């Protein structure tokens, strides 16, 4: 006699890679600051320089696992 296949259900979950929203603020007023150049490294390897936009932010998407370091290379105009 023929055997019937038993249906099964498979569920796959896709996970979005994490992202970072960086915000540069004045230490006293809390105002966001544009124009800062930030060097970003992962596991000691430079991945790029990013400039804060008019709202004081930049975003890095599609991050992979690792240890990230942020270093200000150039402060905004009028800051040290």
PDB file of N, CA and C in Angstrom:
ATOM      1  N   UNK A   1       0.834  -1.169   0.000  1.00  0.00           N
ATOM      2  CA  UNK A   1       0.000   0.000   0.000  1.00  0.00           C
ATOM      3  C   UNK A   1       0.888   1.246   0.000  1.00  0.00           C
ATOM      4  N   UNK A   2       0.438   2.310  -0.669  1.00  0.00           N
ATOM      5  CA  UNK A   2       1.190   3.560  -0.738  1.00  0.00           C
ATOM      6  C   UNK A   2       1.123   4.338   0.556  1.00  0.00           C
ATOM      7  N   UNK A   3       2.244   4.927   0.882  1.00  0.00           N
ATOM      8  CA  UNK A   3       2.270   5.750   2.099  1.00  0.00           C
ATOM      9  C   UNK A   3       2.112   7.203   1.710  1.00  0.00           C
ATOM     10  N   UNK A   4       1.341   7.911   2.483  1.00  0.00           N
ATOM     11  CA  UNK A   4       1.172   9.345   2.252  1.00  0.00           C
ATOM     12  C   UNK A   4       2.230  10.109   3.028  1.00  0.00           C
ATOM     13  N   UNK A   5       2.749  11.145   2.416  1.00  0.00           N
ATOM     14  CA  UNK A   5       3.715  11.992   3.104  1.00  0.00           C
ATOM     15  C   UNK A   5       3.006  12.789   4.185  1.00  0.00           C
ATOM     16  N   UNK A   6       3.678  12.922   5.294  1.00  0.00           N
ATOM     17  CA  UNK A   6       3.140  13.709   6.395  1.00  0.00           C
ATOM     18  C   UNK A   6       3.652  15.141   6.257  1.00  0.00           C
ATOM     19  N   UNK A   7       2.743  16.107   6.120  1.00  0.00           N
ATOM     20  CA  UNK A   7       3.213  17.490   5.997  1.00  0.00           C
ATOM     21  C   UNK A   7       3.864  17.961   7.292  1.00  0.00           C
ATOM     22  N   UNK A   8       4.894  18.775   7.128  1.00  0.00           N
ATOM     23  CA  UNK A   8       5.549  19.400   8.282  1.00  0.00           C
ATOM     24  C   UNK A   8       5.572  20.899   8.050  1.00  0.00           C
ATOM     25  N   UNK A   9       5.704  21.637   9.136  1.00  0.00           N
ATOM     26  CA  UNK A   9       5.779  23.093   9.056  1.00  0.00           C
ATOM     27  C   UNK A   9       7.153  23.529   9.514  1.00  0.00           C
ATOM     28  N   UNK A  10       7.810  24.348   8.694  1.00  0.00           N
ATOM     29  CA  UNK A  10       9.100  24.938   9.052  1.00  0.00           C
ATOM     30  C   UNK A  10       8.906  26.433   9.214  1.00  0.00           C
ATOM     31  N   UNK A  11       9.486  26.995  10.254  1.00  0.00           N
ATOM     32  CA  UNK A  11       9.403  28.424  10.493  1.00  0.00           C
ATOM     33  C   UNK A  11      10.820  28.985  10.490  1.00  0.00           C
ATOM     34  N   UNK A  12      11.051  29.981   9.647  1.00  0.00           N
ATOM     35  CA  UNK A  12      12.347  30.646   9.584  1.00  0.00           C
ATOM     36  C   UNK A  12      12.177  32.075  10.088  1.00  0.00           C
ATOM     37  N   UNK A  13      13.124  32.492  10.897  1.00  0.00           N
ATOM     38  CA  UNK A  13      13.091  33.859  11.395  1.00  0.00           C
ATOM     39  C   UNK A  13      14.314  34.597  10.866  1.00  0.00           C
ATOM     40  N   UNK A  14      14.070  35.717  10.238  1.00  0.00           N
ATOM     41  CA  UNK A  14      15.157  36.576   9.783  1.00  0.00           C
ATOM     42  C   UNK A  14      15.340  37.685  10.808  1.00  0.00           C
ATOM     43  N   UNK A  15      16.589  37.899  11.165  1.00  0.00           N
ATOM     44  CA  UNK A  15      16.884  38.935  12.147  1.00  0.00           C
ATOM     45  C   UNK A  15      17.641  40.055  11.458  1.00  0.00           C
ATOM     46  N   UNK A  16      17.208  41.246  11.695  1.00  0.00           N
ATOM     47  CA  UNK A  16      17.863  42.430  11.148  1.00  0.00           C
ATOM     48  C   UNK A  16      19.187  42.629  11.873  1.00  0.00           C
ATOM     49  N   UNK A  17      20.215  42.972  11.108  1.00  0.00           N
ATOM     50  CA  UNK A  17      21.500  43.276  11.735  1.00  0.00           C
ATOM     51  C   UNK A  17      21.355  44.577  12.512  1.00  0.00           C
ATOM     52  N   UNK A  18      22.048  44.690  13.633  1.00  0.00           N
ATOM     53  CA  UNK A  18      21.900  45.897  14.454  1.00  0.00           C
ATOM     54  C   UNK A  18      22.510  47.134  13.787  1.00  0.00           C
ATOM     55  N   UNK A  19      22.098  48.282  14.290  1.00  0.00           N
ATOM     56  CA  UNK A  19      22.640  49.556  13.834  1.00  0.00           C
ATOM     57  C   UNK A  19      22.930  50.420  15.052  1.00  0.00           C
ATOM     58  N   UNK A  20      23.707  51.469  14.822  1.00  0.00           N
ATOM     59  CA  UNK A  20      24.053  52.411  15.889  1.00  0.00           C
ATOM     60  C   UNK A  20      23.634  53.809  15.444  1.00  0.00           C
ATOM     61  N   UNK A  21      22.926  54.508  16.317  1.00  0.00           N
ATOM     62  CA  UNK A  21      22.632  55.925  16.104  1.00  0.00           C
ATOM     63  C   UNK A  21      23.544  56.696  17.049  1.00  0.00           C
ATOM     64  N   UNK A  22      24.489  57.442  16.495  1.00  0.00           N
ATOM     65  CA  UNK A  22      25.442  58.222  17.269  1.00  0.00           C
ATOM     66  C   UNK A  22      24.910  59.644  17.366  1.00  0.00           C
ATOM     67  N   UNK A  23      24.932  60.216  18.577  1.00  0.00           N
ATOM     68  CA  UNK A  23      24.463  61.591  18.794  1.00  0.00           C
ATOM     69  C   UNK A  23      25.564  62.373  19.500  1.00  0.00           C
ATOM     70  N   UNK A  24      25.972  63.484  18.900  1.00  0.00           N
ATOM     71  CA  UNK A  24      26.989  64.371  19.483  1.00  0.00           C
ATOM     72  C   UNK A  24      26.275  65.547  20.135  1.00  0.00           C
ATOM     73  N   UNK A  25      26.557  65.772  21.444  1.00  0.00           N
ATOM     74  CA  UNK A  25      25.892  66.845  22.186  1.00  0.00           C
ATOM     75  C   UNK A  25      26.910  67.715  22.919  1.00  0.00           C
ATOM     76  N   UNK A  26      26.536  68.966  23.141  1.00  0.00           N
ATOM     77  CA  UNK A  26      27.305  69.875  23.984  1.00  0.00           C
ATOM     78  C   UNK A  26      27.200  69.370  25.419  1.00  0.00           C
ATOM     79  N   UNK A  27      28.345  69.269  26.101  1.00  0.00           N
ATOM     80  CA  UNK A  27      28.369  68.710  27.457  1.00  0.00           C
ATOM     81  C   UNK A  27      27.604  69.562  28.464  1.00  0.00           C
ATOM     82  N   UNK A  28      27.482  70.857  28.222  1.00  0.00           N
ATOM     83  CA  UNK A  28      26.817  71.749  29.166  1.00  0.00           C
ATOM     84  C   UNK A  28      25.339  71.927  28.827  1.00  0.00           C
ATOM     85  N   UNK A  29      25.065  72.265  27.573  1.00  0.00           N
ATOM     86  CA  UNK A  29      23.687  72.602  27.196  1.00  0.00           C
ATOM     87  C   UNK A  29      22.866  71.402  26.717  1.00  0.00           C
ATOM     88  N   UNK A  30      23.557  70.337  26.285  1.00  0.00           N
ATOM     89  CA  UNK A  30      22.844  69.177  25.739  1.00  0.00           C
ATOM     90  C   UNK A  30      22.417  69.370  24.295  1.00  0.00           C
ATOM     91  N   UNK A  31      22.714  70.542  23.721  1.00  0.00           N
ATOM     92  CA  UNK A  31      22.368  70.839  22.327  1.00  0.00           C
ATOM     93  C   UNK A  31      23.131  69.892  21.397  1.00  0.00           C
ATOM     94  N   UNK A  32      22.458  69.399  20.352  1.00  0.00           N
ATOM     95  CA  UNK A  32      23.144  68.528  19.397  1.00  0.00           C
ATOM     96  C   UNK A  32      24.087  69.358  18.539  1.00  0.00           C
ATOM     97  N   UNK A  33      25.181  68.720  18.106  1.00  0.00           N
ATOM     98  CA  UNK A  33      26.244  69.424  17.399  1.00  0.00           C
ATOM     99  C   UNK A  33      26.531  68.771  16.051  1.00  0.00           C
ATOM    100  N   UNK A  34      26.486  69.571  15.003  1.00  0.00           N
ATOM    101  CA  UNK A  34      26.817  69.069  13.669  1.00  0.00           C
ATOM    102  C   UNK A  34      28.279  69.339  13.354  1.00  0.00           C
ATOM    103  N   UNK A  35      28.798  68.610  12.369  1.00  0.00           N
ATOM    104  CA  UNK A  35      30.146  68.877  11.869  1.00  0.00           C
ATOM    105  C   UNK A  35      31.280  68.173  12.567  1.00  0.00           C
ATOM    106  N   UNK A  36      31.003  67.338  13.561  1.00  0.00           N
ATOM    107  CA  UNK A  36      32.066  66.568  14.205  1.00  0.00           C
ATOM    108  C   UNK A  36      32.430  65.398  13.297  1.00  0.00           C
ATOM    109  N   UNK A  37      33.729  65.121  13.165  1.00  0.00           N
ATOM    110  CA  UNK A  37      34.193  63.965  12.399  1.00  0.00           C
ATOM    111  C   UNK A  37      34.594  62.886  13.409  1.00  0.00           C
ATOM    112  N   UNK A  38      33.951  61.748  13.305  1.00  0.00           N
ATOM    113  CA  UNK A  38      34.169  60.643  14.237  1.00  0.00           C
ATOM    114  C   UNK A  38      34.759  59.462  13.482  1.00  0.00           C
ATOM    115  N   UNK A  39      35.896  58.972  13.963  1.00  0.00           N
ATOM    116  CA  UNK A  39      36.501  57.771  13.393  1.00  0.00           C
ATOM    117  C   UNK A  39      35.914  56.553  14.103  1.00  0.00           C
ATOM    118  N   UNK A  40      35.444  55.586  13.339  1.00  0.00           N
ATOM    119  CA  UNK A  40      34.841  54.386  13.905  1.00  0.00           C
ATOM    120  C   UNK A  40      35.707  53.187  13.543  1.00  0.00           C
ATOM    121  N   UNK A  41      36.024  52.382  14.559  1.00  0.00           N
ATOM    122  CA  UNK A  41      36.811  51.163  14.365  1.00  0.00           C
ATOM    123  C   UNK A  41      36.052  49.976  14.929  1.00  0.00           C
ATOM    124  N   UNK A  42      36.301  48.812  14.320  1.00  0.00           N
ATOM    125  CA  UNK A  42      35.748  47.553  14.843  1.00  0.00           C
ATOM    126  C   UNK A  42      36.913  46.606  15.065  1.00  0.00           C
ATOM    127  N   UNK A  43      37.027  46.125  16.293  1.00  0.00           N
ATOM    128  CA  UNK A  43      38.112  45.210  16.667  1.00  0.00           C
ATOM    129  C   UNK A  43      39.483  45.773  16.282  1.00  0.00           C
ATOM    130  N   UNK A  44      39.644  47.103  16.474  1.00  0.00           N
ATOM    131  CA  UNK A  44      40.928  47.753  16.202  1.00  0.00           C
ATOM    132  C   UNK A  44      41.168  48.104  14.749  1.00  0.00           C
ATOM    133  N   UNK A  45      40.254  47.795  13.854  1.00  0.00           N
ATOM    134  CA  UNK A  45      40.400  48.096  12.429  1.00  0.00           C
ATOM    135  C   UNK A  45      39.455  49.249  12.053  1.00  0.00           C
ATOM    136  N   UNK A  46      40.012  50.306  11.468  1.00  0.00           N
ATOM    137  CA  UNK A  46      39.185  51.448  11.074  1.00  0.00           C
ATOM    138  C   UNK A  46      38.182  51.013  10.005  1.00  0.00           C
ATOM    139  N   UNK A  47      36.899  51.373  10.238  1.00  0.00           N
ATOM    140  CA  UNK A  47      35.885  51.092   9.223  1.00  0.00           C
ATOM    141  C   UNK A  47      35.410  52.363   8.524  1.00  0.00           C
ATOM    142  N   UNK A  48      35.735  53.541   9.076  1.00  0.00           N
ATOM    143  CA  UNK A  48      35.372  54.763   8.381  1.00  0.00           C
ATOM    144  C   UNK A  48      35.330  55.980   9.268  1.00  0.00           C
ATOM    145  N   UNK A  49      35.246  57.135   8.608  1.00  0.00           N
ATOM    146  CA  UNK A  49      35.043  58.421   9.272  1.00  0.00           C
ATOM    147  C   UNK A  49      33.617  58.857   8.966  1.00  0.00           C
ATOM    148  N   UNK A  50      32.930  59.351   9.977  1.00  0.00           N
ATOM    149  CA  UNK A  50      31.534  59.765   9.835  1.00  0.00           C
ATOM    150  C   UNK A  50      31.388  61.183  10.374  1.00  0.00           C
ATOM    151  N   UNK A  51      30.582  61.994   9.685  1.00  0.00           N
ATOM    152  CA  UNK A  51      30.348  63.371  10.116  1.00  0.00           C
ATOM    153  C   UNK A  51      28.933  63.505  10.660  1.00  0.00           C
ATOM    154  N   UNK A  52      28.815  64.171  11.814  1.00  0.00           N
ATOM    155  CA  UNK A  52      27.485  64.391  12.364  1.00  0.00           C
ATOM    156  C   UNK A  52      26.732  65.396  11.495  1.00  0.00           C
ATOM    157  N   UNK A  53      25.482  65.058  11.218  1.00  0.00           N
ATOM    158  CA  UNK A  53      24.627  65.897  10.364  1.00  0.00           C
ATOM    159  C   UNK A  53      24.108  67.086  11.159  1.00  0.00           C
ATOM    160  N   UNK A  54      23.247  67.859  10.518  1.00  0.00           N
ATOM    161  CA  UNK A  54      22.688  69.060  11.138  1.00  0.00           C
ATOM    162  C   UNK A  54      22.024  68.765  12.478  1.00  0.00           C
ATOM    163  N   UNK A  55      21.433  67.563  12.620  1.00  0.00           N
ATOM    164  CA  UNK A  55      20.779  67.199  13.884  1.00  0.00           C
ATOM    165  C   UNK A  55      21.737  66.554  14.884  1.00  0.00           C
ATOM    166  N   UNK A  56      23.049  66.579  14.577  1.00  0.00           N
ATOM    167  CA  UNK A  56      24.064  66.058  15.491  1.00  0.00           C
ATOM    168  C   UNK A  56      24.218  64.550  15.466  1.00  0.00           C
ATOM    169  N   UNK A  57      23.671  63.888  14.451  1.00  0.00           N
ATOM    170  CA  UNK A  57      23.688  62.427  14.429  1.00  0.00           C
ATOM    171  C   UNK A  57      24.312  61.867  13.156  1.00  0.00           C
ATOM    172  N   UNK A  58      24.681  60.594  13.254  1.00  0.00           N
ATOM    173  CA  UNK A  58      24.913  59.759  12.073  1.00  0.00           C
ATOM    174  C   UNK A  58      24.534  58.343  12.477  1.00  0.00           C
ATOM    175  N   UNK A  59      24.225  57.521  11.492  1.00  0.00           N
ATOM    176  CA  UNK A  59      23.813  56.141  11.740  1.00  0.00           C
ATOM    177  C   UNK A  59      24.703  55.204  10.947  1.00  0.00           C
ATOM    178  N   UNK A  60      25.094  54.116  11.590  1.00  0.00           N
ATOM    179  CA  UNK A  60      25.811  53.033  10.913  1.00  0.00           C
ATOM    180  C   UNK A  60      24.889  51.820  10.965  1.00  0.00           C
ATOM    181  N   UNK A  61      24.634  51.231   9.799  1.00  0.00           N
ATOM    182  CA  UNK A  61      23.727  50.081   9.727  1.00  0.00           C
ATOM    183  C   UNK A  61      24.489  48.818   9.352  1.00  0.00           C
ATOM    184  N   UNK A  62      23.777  47.701   9.429  1.00  0.00           N
ATOM    185  CA  UNK A  62      24.329  46.399   9.027  1.00  0.00           C
ATOM    186  C   UNK A  62      25.600  46.046   9.800  1.00  0.00           C
ATOM    187  N   UNK A  63      25.586  46.294  11.107  1.00  0.00           N
ATOM    188  CA  UNK A  63      26.761  46.009  11.926  1.00  0.00           C
ATOM    189  C   UNK A  63      26.945  44.508  12.113  1.00  0.00           C
ATOM    190  N   UNK A  64      28.189  44.102  12.138  1.00  0.00           N
ATOM    191  CA  UNK A  64      28.520  42.717  12.444  1.00  0.00           C
ATOM    192  C   UNK A  64      29.094  42.672  13.857  1.00  0.00           C
ATOM    193  N   UNK A  65      29.164  41.489  14.418  1.00  0.00           N
ATOM    194  CA  UNK A  65      29.637  41.319  15.785  1.00  0.00           C
ATOM    195  C   UNK A  65      31.055  41.851  15.930  1.00  0.00           C
ATOM    196  N   UNK A  66      31.305  42.508  17.046  1.00  0.00           N
ATOM    197  CA  UNK A  66      32.637  43.027  17.315  1.00  0.00           C
ATOM    198  C   UNK A  66      32.602  44.101  18.381  1.00  0.00           C
ATOM    199  N   UNK A  67      33.776  44.623  18.687  1.00  0.00           N
ATOM    200  CA  UNK A  67      33.916  45.719  19.641  1.00  0.00           C
ATOM    201  C   UNK A  67      34.170  46.993  18.842  1.00  0.00           C
ATOM    202  N   UNK A  68      33.286  47.983  19.009  1.00  0.00           N
ATOM    203  CA  UNK A  68      33.362  49.225  18.247  1.00  0.00           C
ATOM    204  C   UNK A  68      33.941  50.338  19.103  1.00  0.00           C
ATOM    205  N   UNK A  69      34.797  51.150  18.484  1.00  0.00           N
ATOM    206  CA  UNK A  69      35.426  52.287  19.143  1.00  0.00           C
ATOM    207  C   UNK A  69      35.109  53.543  18.334  1.00  0.00           C
ATOM    208  N   UNK A  70      34.744  54.619  19.047  1.00  0.00           N
ATOM    209  CA  UNK A  70      34.421  55.898  18.430  1.00  0.00           C
ATOM    210  C   UNK A  70      35.414  56.928  18.954  1.00  0.00           C
ATOM    211  N   UNK A  71      36.105  57.622  18.030  1.00  0.00           N
ATOM    212  CA  UNK A  71      37.097  58.632  18.422  1.00  0.00           C
ATOM    213  C   UNK A  71      36.844  59.898  17.615  1.00  0.00           C
ATOM    214  N   UNK A  72      36.679  61.001  18.332  1.00  0.00           N
ATOM    215  CA  UNK A  72      36.480  62.272  17.641  1.00  0.00           C
ATOM    216  C   UNK A  72      37.798  62.725  17.029  1.00  0.00           C
ATOM    217  N   UNK A  73      37.816  62.835  15.710  1.00  0.00           N
ATOM    218  CA  UNK A  73      39.007  63.318  15.000  1.00  0.00           C
ATOM    219  C   UNK A  73      38.988  64.826  14.864  1.00  0.00           C
ATOM    220  N   UNK A  74      37.813  65.372  14.556  1.00  0.00           N
ATOM    221  CA  UNK A  74      37.655  66.813  14.359  1.00  0.00           C
ATOM    222  C   UNK A  74      36.416  67.271  15.096  1.00  0.00           C
ATOM    223  N   UNK A  75      36.568  68.186  16.060  1.00  0.00           N
ATOM    224  CA  UNK A  75      35.386  68.688  16.776  1.00  0.00           C
ATOM    225  C   UNK A  75      34.579  69.641  15.898  1.00  0.00           C
ATOM    226  N   UNK A  76      33.335  69.879  16.267  1.00  0.00           N
ATOM    227  CA  UNK A  76      32.543  70.869  15.543  1.00  0.00           C
ATOM    228  C   UNK A  76      33.182  72.257  15.669  1.00  0.00           C
ATOM    229  N   UNK A  77      32.859  73.130  14.732  1.00  0.00           N
ATOM    230  CA  UNK A  77      33.379  74.497  14.759  1.00  0.00           C
ATOM    231  C   UNK A  77      33.077  75.150  16.104  1.00  0.00           C
ATOM    232  N   UNK A  78      34.081  75.795  16.705  1.00  0.00           N
ATOM    233  CA  UNK A  78      33.908  76.495  17.967  1.00  0.00           C
ATOM    234  C   UNK A  78      34.150  75.617  19.191  1.00  0.00           C
ATOM    235  N   UNK A  79      34.525  74.341  18.994  1.00  0.00           N
ATOM    236  CA  UNK A  79      34.772  73.419  20.102  1.00  0.00           C
ATOM    237  C   UNK A  79      36.207  72.900  20.030  1.00  0.00           C
ATOM    238  N   UNK A  80      36.706  72.499  21.190  1.00  0.00           N
ATOM    239  CA  UNK A  80      38.055  71.923  21.267  1.00  0.00           C
ATOM    240  C   UNK A  80      38.006  70.437  21.157  1.00  0.00           C
TER     241      UNK A  80
END
